[in-house]
Each structure stands twice: as structure tokens, then as C-alpha cells.
Amino acid sequence: MQSLDTSYSTNGKVKLDLPVGKQVSPALVDEIIKSIKSVSGFGSVEIYIQDFSVTQITTRSIKKTKHFLTE
């Protein structure tokens, strides 16, 4: 495995160590940030990677409830 000595940062808030020779485009970072911001309250963002390529971003929002089932 190659050493992780390449860093990527944007707006001073994201630091990502990548294998030597690999880069993340600013467009991908923007798309991931947009996905994270779209989650309201509770949820998740899944990023699928295949051969160092992002192939899918899945955003899931969860609505919490406190309703009980009655007989």
C-alpha cells in the first residue's frame, strides 16, 4: 500500500489524506458538501468508490417519530 502523504483542503475546513498521485476535484467536494447539507435533522450520506473513482453518492434523510401502536 502506498503511503498517505498528499493532503487536500478547501476553505481550511477539509483535510483529506490521499494516496500519492490521487486528487479530489473541487466539483466532487462541492457535491459531497451539498449532499451533507441536504440531510435535515437525522440521516446519512454514503459515498461509493470503485477503483479510486466515486461512482455513487446516496443521501438518506430520516424522520424521527414518537407514535406508539395501540391495540
PDB file of N, CA and C in Angstrom:
ATOM      1  N   MET A   1       0.845  -1.188   0.000  1.00  0.00           N
ATOM      2  CA  MET A   1       0.000   0.000   0.000  1.00  0.00           C
ATOM      3  C   MET A   1       0.882   1.241   0.000  1.00  0.00           C
ATOM      4  N   GLN A   2       0.499   2.241  -0.798  1.00  0.00           N
ATOM      5  CA  GLN A   2       1.273   3.474  -0.879  1.00  0.00           C
ATOM      6  C   GLN A   2       1.065   4.308   0.377  1.00  0.00           C
ATOM      7  N   SER A   3       2.066   5.132   0.695  1.00  0.00           N
ATOM      8  CA  SER A   3       1.942   5.997   1.867  1.00  0.00           C
ATOM      9  C   SER A   3       0.968   7.135   1.586  1.00  0.00           C
ATOM     10  N   LEU A   4       0.366   7.636   2.640  1.00  0.00           N
ATOM     11  CA  LEU A   4      -0.598   8.720   2.528  1.00  0.00           C
ATOM     12  C   LEU A   4       0.077  10.024   2.921  1.00  0.00           C
ATOM     13  N   ASP A   5       0.651  10.717   1.963  1.00  0.00           N
ATOM     14  CA  ASP A   5       1.330  11.964   2.290  1.00  0.00           C
ATOM     15  C   ASP A   5       0.852  13.134   1.442  1.00  0.00           C
ATOM     16  N   THR A   6      -0.235  12.954   0.695  1.00  0.00           N
ATOM     17  CA  THR A   6      -0.809  14.033  -0.094  1.00  0.00           C
ATOM     18  C   THR A   6      -2.031  14.567   0.652  1.00  0.00           C
ATOM     19  N   SER A   7      -2.133  15.855   0.818  1.00  0.00           N
ATOM     20  CA  SER A   7      -3.263  16.450   1.527  1.00  0.00           C
ATOM     21  C   SER A   7      -4.102  17.289   0.581  1.00  0.00           C
ATOM     22  N   TYR A   8      -5.383  17.340   0.841  1.00  0.00           N
ATOM     23  CA  TYR A   8      -6.306  18.174   0.080  1.00  0.00           C
ATOM     24  C   TYR A   8      -7.082  18.989   1.087  1.00  0.00           C
ATOM     25  N   SER A   9      -7.221  20.280   0.847  1.00  0.00           N
ATOM     26  CA  SER A   9      -8.028  21.089   1.755  1.00  0.00           C
ATOM     27  C   SER A   9      -8.787  22.134   0.964  1.00  0.00           C
ATOM     28  N   THR A  10      -9.932  22.520   1.499  1.00  0.00           N
ATOM     29  CA  THR A  10     -10.746  23.558   0.885  1.00  0.00           C
ATOM     30  C   THR A  10     -11.301  24.441   1.990  1.00  0.00           C
ATOM     31  N   ASN A  11     -11.229  25.716   1.831  1.00  0.00           N
ATOM     32  CA  ASN A  11     -11.734  26.677   2.820  1.00  0.00           C
ATOM     33  C   ASN A  11     -11.147  26.444   4.210  1.00  0.00           C
ATOM     34  N   GLY A  12     -10.023  25.743   4.296  1.00  0.00           N
ATOM     35  CA  GLY A  12      -9.407  25.492   5.584  1.00  0.00           C
ATOM     36  C   GLY A  12     -10.193  24.575   6.491  1.00  0.00           C
ATOM     37  N   LYS A  13     -11.258  23.924   5.987  1.00  0.00           N
ATOM     38  CA  LYS A  13     -12.115  23.111   6.838  1.00  0.00           C
ATOM     39  C   LYS A  13     -12.029  21.622   6.536  1.00  0.00           C
ATOM     40  N   VAL A  14     -11.553  21.249   5.363  1.00  0.00           N
ATOM     41  CA  VAL A  14     -11.486  19.836   4.989  1.00  0.00           C
ATOM     42  C   VAL A  14     -10.034  19.457   4.773  1.00  0.00           C
ATOM     43  N   LYS A  15      -9.601  18.397   5.441  1.00  0.00           N
ATOM     44  CA  LYS A  15      -8.256  17.883   5.229  1.00  0.00           C
ATOM     45  C   LYS A  15      -8.397  16.399   4.939  1.00  0.00           C
ATOM     46  N   LEU A  16      -7.906  15.991   3.795  1.00  0.00           N
ATOM     47  CA  LEU A  16      -8.061  14.618   3.346  1.00  0.00           C
ATOM     48  C   LEU A  16      -6.726  14.089   2.880  1.00  0.00           C
ATOM     49  N   ASP A  17      -6.264  13.024   3.512  1.00  0.00           N
ATOM     50  CA  ASP A  17      -5.012  12.394   3.096  1.00  0.00           C
ATOM     51  C   ASP A  17      -5.326  11.356   2.027  1.00  0.00           C
ATOM     52  N   LEU A  18      -4.646  11.453   0.902  1.00  0.00           N
ATOM     53  CA  LEU A  18      -4.886  10.562  -0.232  1.00  0.00           C
ATOM     54  C   LEU A  18      -3.613   9.830  -0.613  1.00  0.00           C
ATOM     55  N   PRO A  19      -3.753   8.685  -1.273  1.00  0.00           N
ATOM     56  CA  PRO A  19      -2.562   8.014  -1.786  1.00  0.00           C
ATOM     57  C   PRO A  19      -1.809   8.933  -2.752  1.00  0.00           C
ATOM     58  N   VAL A  20      -0.508   8.765  -2.814  1.00  0.00           N
ATOM     59  CA  VAL A  20       0.324   9.584  -3.692  1.00  0.00           C
ATOM     60  C   VAL A  20      -0.195   9.501  -5.125  1.00  0.00           C
ATOM     61  N   GLY A  21      -0.346  10.658  -5.774  1.00  0.00           N
ATOM     62  CA  GLY A  21      -0.791  10.716  -7.166  1.00  0.00           C
ATOM     63  C   GLY A  21      -2.295  10.794  -7.347  1.00  0.00           C
ATOM     64  N   LYS A  22      -3.091  10.705  -6.273  1.00  0.00           N
ATOM     65  CA  LYS A  22      -4.550  10.772  -6.371  1.00  0.00           C
ATOM     66  C   LYS A  22      -5.017  12.152  -5.939  1.00  0.00           C
ATOM     67  N   GLN A  23      -6.040  12.679  -6.616  1.00  0.00           N
ATOM     68  CA  GLN A  23      -6.578  14.001  -6.302  1.00  0.00           C
ATOM     69  C   GLN A  23      -8.094  13.935  -6.255  1.00  0.00           C
ATOM     70  N   VAL A  24      -8.694  14.882  -5.547  1.00  0.00           N
ATOM     71  CA  VAL A  24     -10.145  15.026  -5.481  1.00  0.00           C
ATOM     72  C   VAL A  24     -10.492  16.359  -6.129  1.00  0.00           C
ATOM     73  N   SER A  25     -11.414  16.334  -7.087  1.00  0.00           N
ATOM     74  CA  SER A  25     -11.769  17.567  -7.774  1.00  0.00           C
ATOM     75  C   SER A  25     -12.624  18.450  -6.868  1.00  0.00           C
ATOM     76  N   PRO A  26     -12.490  19.765  -6.998  1.00  0.00           N
ATOM     77  CA  PRO A  26     -13.341  20.672  -6.223  1.00  0.00           C
ATOM     78  C   PRO A  26     -14.830  20.434  -6.499  1.00  0.00           C
ATOM     79  N   ALA A  27     -15.176  20.009  -7.709  1.00  0.00           N
ATOM     80  CA  ALA A  27     -16.580  19.733  -8.042  1.00  0.00           C
ATOM     81  C   ALA A  27     -17.114  18.573  -7.202  1.00  0.00           C
ATOM     82  N   LEU A  28     -16.294  17.546  -6.987  1.00  0.00           N
ATOM     83  CA  LEU A  28     -16.712  16.413  -6.160  1.00  0.00           C
ATOM     84  C   LEU A  28     -16.878  16.846  -4.709  1.00  0.00           C
ATOM     85  N   VAL A  29     -15.947  17.633  -4.200  1.00  0.00           N
ATOM     86  CA  VAL A  29     -16.060  18.136  -2.827  1.00  0.00           C
ATOM     87  C   VAL A  29     -17.346  18.945  -2.677  1.00  0.00           C
ATOM     88  N   ASP A  30     -17.649  19.805  -3.647  1.00  0.00           N
ATOM     89  CA  ASP A  30     -18.881  20.598  -3.603  1.00  0.00           C
ATOM     90  C   ASP A  30     -20.120  19.707  -3.613  1.00  0.00           C
ATOM     91  N   GLU A  31     -20.100  18.638  -4.418  1.00  0.00           N
ATOM     92  CA  GLU A  31     -21.243  17.727  -4.485  1.00  0.00           C
ATOM     93  C   GLU A  31     -21.442  16.983  -3.161  1.00  0.00           C
ATOM     94  N   ILE A  32     -20.355  16.590  -2.526  1.00  0.00           N
ATOM     95  CA  ILE A  32     -20.447  15.913  -1.231  1.00  0.00           C
ATOM     96  C   ILE A  32     -20.974  16.872  -0.168  1.00  0.00           C
ATOM     97  N   ILE A  33     -20.467  18.091  -0.148  1.00  0.00           N
ATOM     98  CA  ILE A  33     -20.946  19.094   0.815  1.00  0.00           C
ATOM     99  C   ILE A  33     -22.422  19.382   0.601  1.00  0.00           C
ATOM    100  N   LYS A  34     -22.847  19.493  -0.654  1.00  0.00           N
ATOM    101  CA  LYS A  34     -24.266  19.719  -0.971  1.00  0.00           C
ATOM    102  C   LYS A  34     -25.119  18.562  -0.447  1.00  0.00           C
ATOM    103  N   SER A  35     -24.636  17.326  -0.593  1.00  0.00           N
ATOM    104  CA  SER A  35     -25.362  16.162  -0.095  1.00  0.00           C
ATOM    105  C   SER A  35     -25.478  16.195   1.417  1.00  0.00           C
ATOM    106  N   ILE A  36     -24.398  16.548   2.103  1.00  0.00           N
ATOM    107  CA  ILE A  36     -24.423  16.629   3.566  1.00  0.00           C
ATOM    108  C   ILE A  36     -25.407  17.695   4.024  1.00  0.00           C
ATOM    109  N   LYS A  37     -25.407  18.841   3.363  1.00  0.00           N
ATOM    110  CA  LYS A  37     -26.319  19.922   3.744  1.00  0.00           C
ATOM    111  C   LYS A  37     -27.780  19.564   3.491  1.00  0.00           C
ATOM    112  N   SER A  38     -28.047  18.635   2.562  1.00  0.00           N
ATOM    113  CA  SER A  38     -29.432  18.279   2.240  1.00  0.00           C
ATOM    114  C   SER A  38     -30.060  17.365   3.287  1.00  0.00           C
ATOM    115  N   VAL A  39     -29.248  16.773   4.161  1.00  0.00           N
ATOM    116  CA  VAL A  39     -29.781  15.931   5.231  1.00  0.00           C
ATOM    117  C   VAL A  39     -30.348  16.844   6.306  1.00  0.00           C
ATOM    118  N   SER A  40     -31.639  16.676   6.599  1.00  0.00           N
ATOM    119  CA  SER A  40     -32.263  17.545   7.596  1.00  0.00           C
ATOM    120  C   SER A  40     -32.479  16.771   8.893  1.00  0.00           C
ATOM    121  N   GLY A  41     -31.861  17.223   9.943  1.00  0.00           N
ATOM    122  CA  GLY A  41     -32.035  16.602  11.250  1.00  0.00           C
ATOM    123  C   GLY A  41     -31.233  15.333  11.425  1.00  0.00           C
ATOM    124  N   PHE A  42     -31.735  14.224  10.909  1.00  0.00           N
ATOM    125  CA  PHE A  42     -31.078  12.930  11.027  1.00  0.00           C
ATOM    126  C   PHE A  42     -30.925  12.331   9.634  1.00  0.00           C
ATOM    127  N   GLY A  43     -29.845  11.618   9.408  1.00  0.00           N
ATOM    128  CA  GLY A  43     -29.669  10.961   8.124  1.00  0.00           C
ATOM    129  C   GLY A  43     -28.239  10.556   7.894  1.00  0.00           C
ATOM    130  N   SER A  44     -27.942  10.226   6.642  1.00  0.00           N
ATOM    131  CA  SER A  44     -26.595   9.793   6.302  1.00  0.00           C
ATOM    132  C   SER A  44     -26.290  10.094   4.841  1.00  0.00           C
ATOM    133  N   VAL A  45     -25.005  10.130   4.546  1.00  0.00           N
ATOM    134  CA  VAL A  45     -24.521  10.271   3.176  1.00  0.00           C
ATOM    135  C   VAL A  45     -23.552   9.116   2.950  1.00  0.00           C
ATOM    136  N   GLU A  46     -23.812   8.317   1.924  1.00  0.00           N
ATOM    137  CA  GLU A  46     -22.939   7.206   1.586  1.00  0.00           C
ATOM    138  C   GLU A  46     -22.227   7.521   0.281  1.00  0.00           C
ATOM    139  N   ILE A  47     -20.936   7.311   0.274  1.00  0.00           N
ATOM    140  CA  ILE A  47     -20.127   7.564  -0.916  1.00  0.00           C
ATOM    141  C   ILE A  47     -19.546   6.237  -1.370  1.00  0.00           C
ATOM    142  N   TYR A  48     -19.897   5.811  -2.579  1.00  0.00           N
ATOM    143  CA  TYR A  48     -19.420   4.546  -3.124  1.00  0.00           C
ATOM    144  C   TYR A  48     -18.223   4.802  -4.029  1.00  0.00           C
ATOM    145  N   ILE A  49     -17.164   4.062  -3.793  1.00  0.00           N
ATOM    146  CA  ILE A  49     -15.920   4.251  -4.537  1.00  0.00           C
ATOM    147  C   ILE A  49     -15.522   2.936  -5.176  1.00  0.00           C
ATOM    148  N   GLN A  50     -15.137   2.995  -6.438  1.00  0.00           N
ATOM    149  CA  GLN A  50     -14.647   1.821  -7.148  1.00  0.00           C
ATOM    150  C   GLN A  50     -13.415   2.227  -7.936  1.00  0.00           C
ATOM    151  N   ASP A  51     -12.306   1.569  -7.687  1.00  0.00           N
ATOM    152  CA  ASP A  51     -11.049   1.863  -8.376  1.00  0.00           C
ATOM    153  C   ASP A  51     -10.691   3.352  -8.310  1.00  0.00           C
ATOM    154  N   PHE A  52     -10.734   3.913  -7.110  1.00  0.00           N
ATOM    155  CA  PHE A  52     -10.410   5.327  -6.856  1.00  0.00           C
ATOM    156  C   PHE A  52     -11.322   6.290  -7.609  1.00  0.00           C
ATOM    157  N   SER A  53     -12.533   5.853  -7.932  1.00  0.00           N
ATOM    158  CA  SER A  53     -13.500   6.713  -8.610  1.00  0.00           C
ATOM    159  C   SER A  53     -14.819   6.683  -7.844  1.00  0.00           C
ATOM    160  N   VAL A  54     -15.362   7.861  -7.533  1.00  0.00           N
ATOM    161  CA  VAL A  54     -16.661   7.919  -6.862  1.00  0.00           C
ATOM    162  C   VAL A  54     -17.722   7.573  -7.905  1.00  0.00           C
ATOM    163  N   THR A  55     -18.475   6.510  -7.634  1.00  0.00           N
ATOM    164  CA  THR A  55     -19.474   6.043  -8.588  1.00  0.00           C
ATOM    165  C   THR A  55     -20.897   6.394  -8.172  1.00  0.00           C
ATOM    166  N   GLN A  56     -21.092   6.703  -6.881  1.00  0.00           N
ATOM    167  CA  GLN A  56     -22.448   6.985  -6.413  1.00  0.00           C
ATOM    168  C   GLN A  56     -22.387   7.727  -5.085  1.00  0.00           C
ATOM    169  N   ILE A  57     -23.303   8.676  -4.911  1.00  0.00           N
ATOM    170  CA  ILE A  57     -23.492   9.346  -3.624  1.00  0.00           C
ATOM    171  C   ILE A  57     -24.960   9.167  -3.265  1.00  0.00           C
ATOM    172  N   THR A  58     -25.220   8.515  -2.131  1.00  0.00           N
ATOM    173  CA  THR A  58     -26.587   8.272  -1.686  1.00  0.00           C
ATOM    174  C   THR A  58     -26.850   9.112  -0.441  1.00  0.00           C
ATOM    175  N   THR A  59     -27.914   9.889  -0.472  1.00  0.00           N
ATOM    176  CA  THR A  59     -28.307  10.722   0.663  1.00  0.00           C
ATOM    177  C   THR A  59     -29.593  10.166   1.252  1.00  0.00           C
ATOM    178  N   ARG A  60     -29.597   9.993   2.571  1.00  0.00           N
ATOM    179  CA  ARG A  60     -30.768   9.440   3.238  1.00  0.00           C
ATOM    180  C   ARG A  60     -31.168  10.368   4.375  1.00  0.00           C
ATOM    181  N   SER A  61     -32.418  10.825   4.356  1.00  0.00           N
ATOM    182  CA  SER A  61     -32.951  11.627   5.465  1.00  0.00           C
ATOM    183  C   SER A  61     -33.884  10.745   6.284  1.00  0.00           C
ATOM    184  N   ILE A  62     -33.799  10.859   7.595  1.00  0.00           N
ATOM    185  CA  ILE A  62     -34.602  10.043   8.496  1.00  0.00           C
ATOM    186  C   ILE A  62     -35.538  10.952   9.282  1.00  0.00           C
ATOM    187  N   LYS A  63     -36.809  10.608   9.289  1.00  0.00           N
ATOM    188  CA  LYS A  63     -37.789  11.359  10.068  1.00  0.00           C
ATOM    189  C   LYS A  63     -38.051  10.584  11.354  1.00  0.00           C
ATOM    190  N   LYS A  64     -37.719  11.164  12.476  1.00  0.00           N
ATOM    191  CA  LYS A  64     -37.938  10.540  13.776  1.00  0.00           C
ATOM    192  C   LYS A  64     -39.386  10.779  14.201  1.00  0.00           C
ATOM    193  N   THR A  65     -39.969   9.807  14.886  1.00  0.00           N
ATOM    194  CA  THR A  65     -41.346   9.932  15.357  1.00  0.00           C
ATOM    195  C   THR A  65     -41.490   9.287  16.728  1.00  0.00           C
ATOM    196  N   LYS A  66     -42.528   9.662  17.453  1.00  0.00           N
ATOM    197  CA  LYS A  66     -42.765   9.101  18.797  1.00  0.00           C
ATOM    198  C   LYS A  66     -44.180   8.542  18.895  1.00  0.00           C
ATOM    199  N   HIS A  67     -44.705   8.048  17.806  1.00  0.00           N
ATOM    200  CA  HIS A  67     -46.054   7.476  17.827  1.00  0.00           C
ATOM    201  C   HIS A  67     -45.987   6.018  18.243  1.00  0.00           C
ATOM    202  N   PHE A  68     -46.921   5.597  19.081  1.00  0.00           N
ATOM    203  CA  PHE A  68     -46.967   4.223  19.565  1.00  0.00           C
ATOM    204  C   PHE A  68     -48.129   3.489  18.916  1.00  0.00           C
ATOM    205  N   LEU A  69     -47.932   2.220  18.627  1.00  0.00           N
ATOM    206  CA  LEU A  69     -49.002   1.387  18.106  1.00  0.00           C
ATOM    207  C   LEU A  69     -49.851   0.929  19.280  1.00  0.00           C
ATOM    208  N   THR A  70     -51.176   1.022  19.144  1.00  0.00           N
ATOM    209  CA  THR A  70     -52.073   0.599  20.221  1.00  0.00           C
ATOM    210  C   THR A  70     -52.923  -0.553  19.757  1.00  0.00           C
ATOM    211  N   GLU A  71     -53.434  -1.325  20.710  1.00  0.00           N
ATOM    212  CA  GLU A  71     -54.303  -2.455  20.379  1.00  0.00           C
ATOM    213  C   GLU A  71     -55.720  -2.013  20.227  1.00  0.00           C
TER     214      GLU A  71
END
